[in-house]
């Protein structure tokens, strides 16, 4: 929002958010228009295989740019991501059971820090009404008129097949609607000052029976059950059509047991699991985000629930290959391995079967850090799991069973900003209290295949409770000691030393002031 008066350079940021696209590994924000960015942070979609599930990843902090702005521009009260500079609410109501169409009313609540908003509707959608939006071009359909809040109502086919089966559908008797099947194709917005953050949620229109959360909405009769375990609330949403799903008490026990086996810090206040109707594919999806509410949907084997829970217990965002080797493999590799550990500790997976699984040769010729070498999207689930299993064993051997890969995850969750390869190496070395960079380079950055030691102590024992803040601070100082450049992955991957990098950063800042636009794709 630019007021009247003389213009002077001020800080303005543009954030690009768009329809979550199912790719080889997750919720990647993309648009169909030409690239605008000078600098970008890639946000990952962790895609489900038919065996397990997937993860959608919310974006992290944005990069400020300089632009002309009024000297009287009001910026007071603009704070961190929790302030929600833009809140988007998708209100849903089925309109035609014959072809699976859904009416979507997208409502935008915008703070004073928001300057501009530009959107594109989904392909094939028919727009019924708009308020506070003007027609646009340049790859967008509409732009905010700058006056108060805004909304748009459109009708779209909500049927979606992905990851080997049906993920979203509207029928005459019931609907199971996933967010990316109904949301806008592109949603870009600009703000002044610090990143005020954004949020989005689903809702049902007045008179529509069912339940809606952040990523999933169910139309039709549902039963919602909440149970408390160790100070945490587990919410189970069971549509009447999910008559073949696991019993609610069993689902709660599965999630609570998985949490006990994977204590990695902040769990939020509530974890919601939606049990889909039988027509929805086996497996699940989960959204990685901070905040009090964590959400997933899952059905199938007991292992699926543990896999998806690992994803909702991740609160860090990967700088996937922007400043070094790709780390996309780690998220699914960790979820697969930890799910197997949960099954082993619960007695549902025999030790010989566990051993066979974590020593698989599937995807052995792939290089985890180079996706171009992957013969299939299953590489993170297979070779990724083997590398994580071997790394866990190496850490346990180095620490006499006192620490493991769970402690690495705790450190990564405590990181501010995005996590790159150098951060990961530093966290591993801090936990193992020994040099691990060579080991990781060999098995992550080449096609070498690690052995998985059988004599690593502590695997069958439940981990300790999450560390206190003092413990976390101590581990954090261990990261700094292990790799002083860990906070800046670019310095490690490019060989730029810290003093030189500082000078380059200043030059980059000056160039941004003089010449323009830095865009973050969220």
Protein backbone atom coordinates (compact mmCIF):
# COMPACT_ATOMS: atom_id res chain seq x y z
CA UNK A 1 0.00 0.00 0.00
CA UNK A 2 1.58 3.24 -1.12
CA UNK A 3 0.15 6.48 0.15
CA UNK A 4 0.45 9.94 -1.32
CA UNK A 5 3.53 12.10 -1.03
CA UNK A 6 7.15 12.03 -2.14
CA UNK A 7 8.68 8.60 -2.62
CA UNK A 8 11.83 7.29 -0.99
CA UNK A 9 13.38 3.79 -0.85
CA UNK A 10 11.83 1.61 1.83
CA UNK A 11 11.75 -2.10 2.55
CA UNK A 12 9.08 -4.05 0.71
CA UNK A 13 8.89 -7.80 0.23
CA UNK A 14 7.00 -9.93 -2.24
CA UNK A 15 5.99 -13.46 -1.29
CA UNK A 16 4.89 -15.95 -3.91
CA UNK A 17 2.58 -18.73 -2.82
CA UNK A 18 0.71 -20.98 -5.18
CA UNK A 19 -1.09 -24.22 -5.65
CA UNK A 20 0.69 -27.13 -3.96
CA UNK A 21 1.95 -29.36 -6.76
CA UNK A 22 2.49 -33.09 -6.32
CA UNK A 23 6.02 -33.66 -7.56
CA UNK A 24 8.59 -36.34 -6.79
CA UNK A 25 8.88 -35.21 -3.19
CA UNK A 26 6.19 -32.90 -1.89
CA UNK A 27 4.37 -29.63 -1.61
CA UNK A 28 6.33 -27.35 -3.95
CA UNK A 29 4.96 -23.87 -4.49
CA UNK A 30 4.99 -23.12 -8.21
CA UNK A 31 3.16 -21.00 -10.75
CA UNK A 32 2.76 -21.35 -14.47
CA UNK A 33 4.03 -17.87 -15.25
CA UNK A 34 7.65 -17.06 -16.10
CA UNK A 35 10.14 -16.95 -13.20
CA UNK A 36 10.40 -13.54 -11.51
CA UNK A 37 12.87 -14.33 -8.79
CA UNK A 38 16.39 -13.10 -8.32
CA UNK A 39 16.79 -15.21 -5.20
CA UNK A 40 14.57 -18.06 -4.09
CA UNK A 41 14.11 -20.54 -1.30
CA UNK A 42 12.70 -23.84 -2.50
CA UNK A 43 9.93 -25.24 -0.37
CA UNK A 44 9.60 -28.99 -0.56
CA UNK A 45 6.71 -31.30 -1.14
CA UNK A 46 7.27 -34.72 0.33
CA UNK A 47 5.29 -36.94 -1.96
CA UNK A 48 3.62 -40.10 -0.84
CA UNK A 49 4.29 -43.40 -2.43
CA UNK A 50 1.40 -45.82 -2.56
CA UNK A 51 3.06 -47.56 0.40
CA UNK A 52 3.12 -44.71 2.82
CA UNK A 53 2.35 -41.03 2.56
CA UNK A 54 3.52 -37.58 1.76
CA UNK A 55 4.26 -34.29 3.34
CA UNK A 56 3.38 -30.76 2.43
CA UNK A 57 5.75 -28.14 3.63
CA UNK A 58 4.90 -24.61 4.67
CA UNK A 59 7.38 -21.92 3.61
CA UNK A 60 9.72 -20.04 5.88
CA UNK A 61 10.81 -16.45 6.17
CA UNK A 62 10.87 -14.07 3.22
CA UNK A 63 13.61 -11.85 1.85
CA UNK A 64 13.04 -8.09 1.94
CA UNK A 65 13.40 -5.95 -1.16
CA UNK A 66 13.59 -2.19 -1.69
CA UNK A 67 10.87 -0.26 -3.39
CA UNK A 68 9.38 3.21 -3.49
CA UNK A 69 7.05 3.79 -0.56
CA UNK A 70 5.40 6.73 1.08
CA UNK A 71 7.33 8.27 3.97
CA UNK A 72 4.04 8.24 5.87
CA UNK A 73 3.50 4.50 5.35
CA UNK A 74 2.29 2.99 8.61
CA UNK A 75 4.43 0.03 9.65
CA UNK A 76 3.90 -0.09 13.37
CA UNK A 77 2.93 -3.41 14.85
CA UNK A 78 4.39 -5.50 12.03
CA UNK A 79 6.03 -8.46 13.65
CA UNK A 80 6.86 -12.09 13.08
CA UNK A 81 5.09 -14.87 11.27
CA UNK A 82 2.58 -15.36 14.09
CA UNK A 83 0.94 -12.00 13.33
CA UNK A 84 -0.55 -13.34 10.08
CA UNK A 85 -0.36 -10.40 7.67
CA UNK A 86 -2.62 -12.34 5.31
CA UNK A 87 -5.19 -14.93 6.35
CA UNK A 88 -6.90 -16.93 3.61
CA UNK A 89 -10.04 -18.93 4.33
CA UNK A 90 -11.36 -21.35 1.71
CA UNK A 91 -15.07 -21.91 2.36
CA UNK A 92 -16.35 -25.04 0.60
CA UNK A 93 -19.73 -26.36 -0.52
CA UNK A 94 -20.42 -29.14 -3.08
CA UNK A 95 -22.54 -27.93 -6.01
CA UNK A 96 -22.90 -30.86 -8.43
CA UNK A 97 -22.52 -34.46 -7.33
CA UNK A 98 -22.61 -35.63 -10.94
CA UNK A 99 -19.20 -34.23 -11.83
CA UNK A 100 -17.55 -33.67 -8.44
CA UNK A 101 -17.57 -29.88 -8.56
CA UNK A 102 -17.14 -27.76 -5.44
CA UNK A 103 -17.92 -24.11 -4.84
CA UNK A 104 -15.00 -22.33 -3.19
CA UNK A 105 -15.20 -18.88 -1.61
CA UNK A 106 -11.65 -17.65 -0.92
CA UNK A 107 -11.72 -14.86 1.65
CA UNK A 108 -8.67 -12.68 2.33
CA UNK A 109 -8.11 -10.85 5.60
CA UNK A 110 -5.22 -8.44 5.07
CA UNK A 111 -3.21 -6.46 7.60
CA UNK A 112 -1.94 -2.92 7.08
CA UNK A 113 1.52 -4.26 6.26
CA UNK A 114 0.25 -5.92 3.06
CA UNK A 115 0.82 -3.79 -0.04
CA UNK A 116 -0.37 -5.92 -2.96
CA UNK A 117 -2.02 -9.26 -3.67
CA UNK A 118 -2.22 -11.05 -7.03
CA UNK A 119 -4.00 -14.35 -7.71
CA UNK A 120 -4.74 -16.89 -10.45
CA UNK A 121 -7.73 -19.24 -10.32
CA UNK A 122 -7.35 -22.99 -10.98
CA UNK A 123 -7.45 -24.22 -14.57
CA UNK A 124 -11.00 -24.98 -15.61
CA UNK A 125 -12.56 -23.05 -12.73
CA UNK A 126 -15.54 -20.78 -13.38
CA UNK A 127 -15.58 -17.53 -11.42
CA UNK A 128 -18.96 -16.57 -9.95
CA UNK A 129 -18.15 -13.37 -8.06
CA UNK A 130 -15.31 -11.14 -6.84
CA UNK A 131 -15.08 -8.41 -4.22
CA UNK A 132 -12.11 -6.11 -3.66
CA UNK A 133 -10.29 -7.52 -6.71
CA UNK A 134 -9.65 -6.09 -10.18
CA UNK A 135 -8.92 -7.98 -13.40
CA UNK A 136 -5.18 -8.38 -14.05
CA UNK A 137 -2.68 -9.66 -16.59
CA UNK A 138 0.93 -10.84 -16.59
CA UNK A 139 0.00 -14.38 -15.60
CA UNK A 140 -2.49 -13.31 -12.92
CA UNK A 141 -6.28 -13.22 -13.15
CA UNK A 142 -6.95 -10.67 -10.40
CA UNK A 143 -5.16 -8.13 -8.20
CA UNK A 144 -6.29 -6.71 -4.89
CA UNK A 145 -7.68 -3.18 -5.25
CA UNK A 146 -5.97 -2.07 -2.02
CA UNK A 147 -9.23 -1.30 -0.22
CA UNK A 148 -9.94 -3.46 2.82
CA UNK A 149 -10.40 -7.21 2.62
CA UNK A 150 -11.26 -9.22 -0.50
CA UNK A 151 -12.92 -12.42 -1.70
CA UNK A 152 -13.48 -14.51 -4.81
CA UNK A 153 -15.96 -17.32 -5.41
CA UNK A 154 -15.31 -19.96 -8.05
CA UNK A 155 -16.43 -23.48 -8.92
CA UNK A 156 -13.81 -26.16 -9.56
CA UNK A 157 -13.65 -29.91 -10.10
CA UNK A 158 -12.28 -31.28 -6.82
CA UNK A 159 -11.52 -34.78 -8.14
CA UNK A 160 -7.82 -35.51 -7.81
CA UNK A 161 -5.80 -38.63 -8.55
CA UNK A 162 -2.20 -38.64 -7.31
CA UNK A 163 0.38 -40.97 -5.80
CA UNK A 164 -1.27 -44.07 -7.18
CA UNK A 165 -4.87 -43.39 -6.26
CA UNK A 166 -7.74 -41.07 -5.43
CA UNK A 167 -6.91 -38.22 -3.01
CA UNK A 168 -9.88 -35.84 -3.30
CA UNK A 169 -13.48 -36.19 -4.50
CA UNK A 170 -17.00 -34.80 -4.05
CA UNK A 171 -19.99 -37.13 -4.36
CA UNK A 172 -23.72 -36.98 -3.69
CA UNK A 173 -23.38 -38.66 -0.27
CA UNK A 174 -19.97 -37.51 0.93
CA UNK A 175 -16.85 -35.54 0.02
CA UNK A 176 -13.21 -35.86 1.02
CA UNK A 177 -11.50 -32.65 -0.08
CA UNK A 178 -7.78 -32.01 0.05
CA UNK A 179 -6.62 -28.37 0.10
CA UNK A 180 -4.53 -28.45 -3.05
CA UNK A 181 -7.50 -29.72 -5.08
CA UNK A 182 -9.55 -26.60 -4.33
CA UNK A 183 -7.20 -23.71 -3.60
CA UNK A 184 -5.95 -20.95 -5.92
CA UNK A 185 -3.44 -21.75 -8.64
CA UNK A 186 -1.30 -18.76 -7.63
CA UNK A 187 -1.36 -16.41 -4.67
CA UNK A 188 1.40 -13.78 -4.50
CA UNK A 189 1.51 -10.94 -2.01
CA UNK A 190 3.75 -8.05 -1.05
CA UNK A 191 4.30 -6.49 2.37
CA UNK A 192 6.28 -3.76 4.11
CA UNK A 193 8.82 -4.29 6.87
CA UNK A 194 9.34 -7.63 8.54
CA UNK A 195 7.53 -10.70 7.31
CA UNK A 196 4.09 -10.57 8.99
CA UNK A 197 3.41 -14.17 8.04
CA UNK A 198 0.42 -15.80 6.42
CA UNK A 199 -1.96 -18.62 7.14
CA UNK A 200 -4.69 -20.49 5.32
CA UNK A 201 -7.42 -22.85 6.37
CA UNK A 202 -10.42 -24.71 5.01
CA UNK A 203 -13.99 -24.22 6.22
CA UNK A 204 -17.45 -25.50 5.31
CA UNK A 205 -20.18 -23.13 4.17
CA UNK A 206 -23.15 -22.54 6.44
CA UNK A 207 -25.48 -25.52 6.51
CA UNK A 208 -22.90 -28.01 5.19
CA UNK A 209 -22.43 -30.96 7.54
CA UNK A 210 -18.92 -32.26 8.18
CA UNK A 211 -15.53 -31.12 9.43
CA UNK A 212 -12.75 -28.89 8.04
CA UNK A 213 -9.16 -28.29 9.12
CA UNK A 214 -6.06 -26.74 7.65
CA UNK A 215 -5.64 -29.19 4.78
CA UNK A 216 -8.58 -31.59 4.73
CA UNK A 217 -12.35 -31.11 4.70
CA UNK A 218 -14.94 -33.87 5.02
CA UNK A 219 -18.54 -33.34 3.90
CA UNK A 220 -21.11 -35.64 5.46
CA UNK A 221 -21.70 -37.10 8.91
CA UNK A 222 -18.54 -37.34 11.01
CA UNK A 223 -17.56 -38.29 14.55
CA UNK A 224 -14.80 -36.24 16.19
CA UNK A 225 -13.05 -37.74 19.22
CA UNK A 226 -10.36 -36.09 21.36
CA UNK A 227 -8.12 -37.86 23.88
CA UNK A 228 -5.29 -36.53 26.05
CA UNK A 229 -1.98 -38.38 26.45
CA UNK A 230 0.94 -36.91 28.39
CA UNK A 231 -0.38 -33.36 28.05
CA UNK A 232 -1.05 -33.61 24.30
CA UNK A 233 -4.43 -33.80 22.57
CA UNK A 234 -5.00 -36.33 19.79
CA UNK A 235 -8.07 -35.62 17.67
CA UNK A 236 -9.52 -38.32 15.40
CA UNK A 237 -11.98 -37.29 12.68
CA UNK A 238 -13.95 -40.30 11.49
CA UNK A 239 -16.42 -39.85 8.62
CA UNK A 240 -19.34 -42.28 8.67
CA UNK A 241 -18.12 -43.47 5.27
CA UNK A 242 -14.80 -44.57 6.81
CA UNK A 243 -16.38 -47.75 8.11
CA UNK A 244 -13.30 -49.85 7.30
CA UNK A 245 -10.84 -47.59 9.11
CA UNK A 246 -9.00 -48.60 12.26
CA UNK A 247 -10.84 -48.11 15.57
CA UNK A 248 -10.39 -44.66 17.08
CA UNK A 249 -8.75 -45.86 20.29
CA UNK A 250 -6.24 -47.89 18.27
CA UNK A 251 -5.37 -44.83 16.17
CA UNK A 252 -4.77 -42.73 19.28
CA UNK A 253 -2.55 -45.43 20.77
CA UNK A 254 -0.57 -45.68 17.52
CA UNK A 255 0.11 -41.94 17.50
CA UNK A 256 0.96 -41.78 21.20
CA UNK A 257 3.38 -44.73 20.91
CA UNK A 258 5.04 -43.12 17.89
CA UNK A 259 5.44 -39.88 19.83
CA UNK A 260 7.06 -41.74 22.72
CA UNK A 261 9.54 -43.23 20.27
CA UNK A 262 10.26 -39.93 18.54
CA UNK A 263 10.49 -37.12 21.17
CA UNK A 264 11.96 -34.32 19.07
CA UNK A 265 10.64 -31.18 20.73
CA UNK A 266 7.55 -29.08 20.12
CA UNK A 267 4.50 -31.19 19.30
CA UNK A 268 2.05 -28.30 19.25
CA UNK A 269 -1.13 -28.53 21.27
CA UNK A 270 -3.22 -30.85 19.10
CA UNK A 271 -2.52 -33.49 16.47
CA UNK A 272 -5.48 -34.25 14.21
CA UNK A 273 -5.69 -37.40 12.10
CA UNK A 274 -8.48 -37.69 9.54
CA UNK A 275 -9.52 -41.22 8.58
CA UNK A 276 -10.53 -41.20 4.90
CA UNK A 277 -13.32 -43.25 3.31
CA UNK A 278 -12.22 -46.52 1.74
CA UNK A 279 -12.30 -45.02 -1.78
CA UNK A 280 -9.30 -42.81 -0.94
CA UNK A 281 -5.93 -44.41 -1.67
CA UNK A 282 -3.99 -46.17 1.07
CA UNK A 283 -1.26 -44.12 2.69
CA UNK A 284 -1.50 -40.57 3.88
CA UNK A 285 -0.42 -36.94 3.70
CA UNK A 286 0.89 -34.61 6.36
CA UNK A 287 1.71 -30.92 6.56
CA UNK A 288 4.97 -29.75 8.07
CA UNK A 289 4.37 -26.56 10.03
CA UNK A 290 4.98 -24.83 13.31
CA UNK A 291 2.12 -23.78 15.54
CA UNK A 292 -0.38 -25.35 17.91
CA UNK A 293 -2.28 -27.44 15.32
CA UNK A 294 -0.70 -30.38 13.43
CA UNK A 295 -2.73 -32.33 10.90
CA UNK A 296 -2.49 -35.47 8.79
CA UNK A 297 -4.68 -38.01 7.11
CA UNK A 298 -3.81 -41.68 7.05
CA UNK A 299 -5.19 -45.15 6.64
CA UNK A 300 -3.68 -48.51 5.92
CA UNK A 301 -0.97 -50.29 7.89
CA UNK A 302 0.04 -49.26 11.40
CA UNK A 303 3.35 -48.09 9.96
CA UNK A 304 1.59 -45.41 7.89
CA UNK A 305 0.50 -43.56 11.02
CA UNK A 306 4.03 -43.49 12.45
CA UNK A 307 5.46 -42.35 9.10
CA UNK A 308 3.07 -39.42 8.86
CA UNK A 309 3.56 -38.50 12.51
CA UNK A 310 7.30 -38.07 11.88
CA UNK A 311 6.43 -35.49 9.22
CA UNK A 312 4.19 -33.44 11.53
CA UNK A 313 6.93 -33.52 14.18
CA UNK A 314 9.26 -31.72 11.77
CA UNK A 315 9.28 -27.95 12.18
CA UNK A 316 12.35 -27.00 10.13
CA UNK A 317 12.41 -26.11 6.43
CA UNK A 318 15.07 -27.37 4.06
CA UNK A 319 17.09 -25.06 1.82
CA UNK A 320 16.91 -27.89 -0.66
CA UNK A 321 20.08 -27.70 -2.69
CA UNK A 322 20.03 -23.90 -3.05
CA UNK A 323 23.28 -23.62 -1.13
CA UNK A 324 24.63 -27.13 -1.46
CA UNK A 325 23.63 -30.76 -2.00
CA UNK A 326 19.96 -31.63 -2.04
CA UNK A 327 18.53 -32.74 1.29
CA UNK A 328 15.13 -33.81 0.02
CA UNK A 329 15.96 -37.47 0.58
CA UNK A 330 16.37 -36.99 4.32
CA UNK A 331 12.73 -36.32 5.15
CA UNK A 332 11.26 -39.48 3.65
CA UNK A 333 14.30 -41.54 4.64
CA UNK A 334 13.86 -40.44 8.24
CA UNK A 335 10.10 -41.04 8.23
CA UNK A 336 10.55 -44.54 6.81
CA UNK A 337 13.31 -45.48 9.25
CA UNK A 338 11.57 -44.07 12.30
CA UNK A 339 8.33 -45.82 11.36
CA UNK A 340 10.26 -49.10 11.19
CA UNK A 341 11.82 -48.39 14.61
CA UNK A 342 8.37 -47.75 16.07
CA UNK A 343 7.12 -51.04 14.63
CA UNK A 344 10.20 -52.87 15.98
CA UNK A 345 9.81 -51.49 19.50
CA UNK A 346 6.09 -52.30 19.48
CA UNK A 347 6.82 -55.91 18.53
CA UNK A 348 4.96 -55.66 15.23
CA UNK A 349 8.12 -55.94 13.11
CA UNK A 350 10.45 -58.89 13.83
CA UNK A 351 14.12 -58.03 14.21
CA UNK A 352 15.18 -60.04 11.16
CA UNK A 353 12.56 -58.31 9.02
CA UNK A 354 13.70 -54.92 10.36
CA UNK A 355 17.27 -55.80 9.48
CA UNK A 356 16.29 -56.92 6.00
CA UNK A 357 14.41 -53.70 5.45
CA UNK A 358 17.12 -51.24 6.51
CA UNK A 359 19.77 -53.06 4.47
CA UNK A 360 17.84 -53.06 1.21
CA UNK A 361 19.80 -52.63 -2.01
CA UNK A 362 16.91 -50.86 -3.73
CA UNK A 363 18.11 -47.63 -5.33
CA UNK A 364 21.71 -48.50 -4.45
CA UNK A 365 23.18 -46.87 -7.56
CA UNK A 366 21.55 -43.50 -6.84
CA UNK A 367 23.30 -40.51 -5.30
CA UNK A 368 20.97 -39.11 -2.66
CA UNK A 369 22.16 -35.51 -3.06
CA UNK A 370 21.63 -35.60 -6.84
CA UNK A 371 18.03 -36.24 -7.86
CA UNK A 372 19.01 -36.62 -11.51
CA UNK A 373 20.53 -40.02 -10.56
CA UNK A 374 17.36 -41.40 -9.00
CA UNK A 375 15.90 -44.25 -11.06
CA UNK A 376 12.53 -43.78 -9.32
CA UNK A 377 10.82 -41.48 -6.80
CA UNK A 378 11.19 -44.28 -4.23
CA UNK A 379 14.92 -43.64 -3.72
CA UNK A 380 14.39 -41.48 -0.57
CA UNK A 381 12.16 -44.17 0.93
CA UNK A 382 14.63 -46.98 0.18
CA UNK A 383 18.27 -45.92 -0.02
CA UNK A 384 17.40 -42.87 2.09
CA UNK A 385 16.14 -45.15 4.85
CA UNK A 386 19.29 -47.28 4.65
CA UNK A 387 21.58 -44.25 4.99
CA UNK A 388 19.56 -42.93 7.94
CA UNK A 389 19.69 -46.38 9.59
CA UNK A 390 23.45 -46.60 9.11
CA UNK A 391 23.92 -43.06 10.42
CA UNK A 392 21.82 -43.81 13.51
CA UNK A 393 23.99 -46.88 14.18
CA UNK A 394 27.21 -44.88 13.74
CA UNK A 395 26.01 -42.23 16.20
CA UNK A 396 24.98 -44.91 18.72
CA UNK A 397 28.39 -46.59 18.44
CA UNK A 398 30.18 -43.26 18.92
CA UNK A 399 28.13 -42.37 22.02
CA UNK A 400 27.75 -45.82 23.63
CA UNK A 401 24.05 -45.77 22.83
CA UNK A 402 23.43 -42.48 24.63
CA UNK A 403 22.41 -40.58 21.48
CA UNK A 404 20.98 -41.32 18.05
CA UNK A 405 19.40 -39.80 14.97
CA UNK A 406 16.47 -38.55 17.09
CA UNK A 407 18.86 -36.11 18.76
CA UNK A 408 19.92 -34.79 15.35
CA UNK A 409 16.27 -34.14 14.54
CA UNK A 410 15.87 -32.21 17.78
CA UNK A 411 18.71 -29.94 16.79
CA UNK A 412 17.36 -29.36 13.30
CA UNK A 413 13.93 -28.51 14.74
CA UNK A 414 15.59 -25.91 16.96
CA UNK A 415 17.25 -24.17 14.00
CA UNK A 416 16.09 -20.73 12.91
CA UNK A 417 15.73 -20.22 9.18
CA UNK A 418 16.25 -22.94 6.61
CA UNK A 419 18.42 -26.01 7.08
CA UNK A 420 21.02 -26.92 4.48
CA UNK A 421 23.53 -29.73 4.10
CA UNK A 422 26.18 -27.96 6.20
CA UNK A 423 23.66 -27.52 9.04
CA UNK A 424 22.85 -31.21 8.87
CA UNK A 425 26.52 -32.23 8.97
CA UNK A 426 27.16 -29.89 11.90
CA UNK A 427 24.17 -31.27 13.84
CA UNK A 428 25.33 -34.86 13.29
CA UNK A 429 28.85 -34.02 14.47
CA UNK A 430 27.53 -32.17 17.52
CA UNK A 431 25.41 -35.17 18.52
CA UNK A 432 28.05 -37.81 17.73
CA UNK A 433 30.83 -35.69 19.26
CA UNK A 434 33.15 -36.79 16.48
CA UNK A 435 33.89 -35.91 12.88
CA UNK A 436 31.24 -37.27 10.50
CA UNK A 437 31.64 -35.00 7.45
CA UNK A 438 33.67 -37.55 5.49
CA UNK A 439 31.18 -40.33 6.22
CA UNK A 440 28.23 -38.17 5.18
CA UNK A 441 29.96 -36.90 2.03
CA UNK A 442 30.64 -40.48 0.97
CA UNK A 443 27.13 -41.81 1.45
CA UNK A 444 25.10 -38.71 0.61
CA UNK A 445 27.14 -37.10 -2.17
CA UNK A 446 28.27 -40.27 -3.99
CA UNK A 447 26.57 -43.54 -4.94
CA UNK A 448 28.40 -45.47 -2.21
CA UNK A 449 26.20 -47.70 -0.04
CA UNK A 450 26.87 -47.88 3.72
CA UNK A 451 26.81 -51.01 5.81
CA UNK A 452 24.44 -50.92 8.77
CA UNK A 453 26.27 -52.07 11.92
CA UNK A 454 24.35 -54.70 13.88
CA UNK A 455 26.05 -54.12 17.21
CA UNK A 456 25.02 -50.48 17.79
CA UNK A 457 23.67 -50.21 21.35
CA UNK A 458 20.43 -48.58 22.44
CA UNK A 459 18.16 -49.19 19.45
CA UNK A 460 15.57 -51.13 21.41
CA UNK A 461 15.48 -48.59 24.25
CA UNK A 462 12.98 -45.73 24.19
CA UNK A 463 14.67 -42.31 23.82
CA UNK A 464 14.92 -39.91 26.72
CA UNK A 465 12.42 -37.10 27.03
CA UNK A 466 13.03 -34.02 24.85
CA UNK A 467 15.88 -31.83 26.12
CA UNK A 468 15.29 -28.84 28.33
CA UNK A 469 16.04 -25.37 26.98
CA UNK A 470 19.45 -25.54 28.70
CA UNK A 471 20.19 -28.85 27.00
CA UNK A 472 19.14 -27.43 23.65
CA UNK A 473 21.42 -24.43 24.14
CA UNK A 474 24.30 -26.75 24.93
CA UNK A 475 23.67 -28.84 21.83
CA UNK A 476 23.34 -25.67 19.80
CA UNK A 477 26.76 -24.52 20.95
CA UNK A 478 27.99 -27.95 19.87
CA UNK A 479 26.84 -27.17 16.34
CA UNK A 480 28.85 -23.97 16.35
CA UNK A 481 31.90 -25.78 17.66
CA UNK A 482 31.61 -28.54 15.08
CA UNK A 483 31.18 -26.19 12.14
CA UNK A 484 31.35 -22.41 12.58
CA UNK A 485 29.95 -21.97 9.07
CA UNK A 486 26.93 -24.15 9.76
CA UNK A 487 24.59 -21.18 9.92
CA UNK A 488 25.60 -20.26 6.37
CA UNK A 489 25.52 -23.33 4.13
CA UNK A 490 26.62 -21.27 1.13
CA UNK A 491 30.02 -20.67 2.67
CA UNK A 492 30.68 -24.37 3.02
CA UNK A 493 29.41 -25.47 -0.35
CA UNK A 494 31.14 -22.75 -2.35
CA UNK A 495 34.38 -22.49 -0.41
CA UNK A 496 33.88 -18.78 0.35
CA UNK A 497 35.52 -17.86 3.64
CA UNK A 498 33.57 -15.90 6.25
CA UNK A 499 35.31 -12.48 5.85
CA UNK A 500 34.93 -12.65 2.07
CA UNK A 501 31.33 -13.75 2.42
CA UNK A 502 30.65 -10.73 4.63
CA UNK A 503 31.97 -8.36 2.00
CA UNK A 504 29.95 -10.11 -0.68
CA UNK A 505 26.84 -9.84 1.50
CA UNK A 506 27.34 -6.09 1.81
CA UNK A 507 27.81 -5.76 -1.94
CA UNK A 508 24.68 -7.82 -2.52
CA UNK A 509 22.70 -5.61 -0.15
CA UNK A 510 23.94 -2.49 -1.95
CA UNK A 511 23.00 -4.00 -5.30
CA UNK A 512 19.52 -4.75 -3.99
CA UNK A 513 19.10 -1.14 -2.87
CA UNK A 514 20.23 0.15 -6.23
CA UNK A 515 18.64 -2.23 -8.64
CA UNK A 516 15.62 -3.88 -7.32
CA UNK A 517 13.70 -6.89 -6.59
CA UNK A 518 14.44 -9.92 -4.48
CA UNK A 519 11.60 -12.40 -4.57
CA UNK A 520 11.03 -15.33 -2.31
CA UNK A 521 8.95 -18.21 -3.64
CA UNK A 522 7.02 -19.53 -0.70
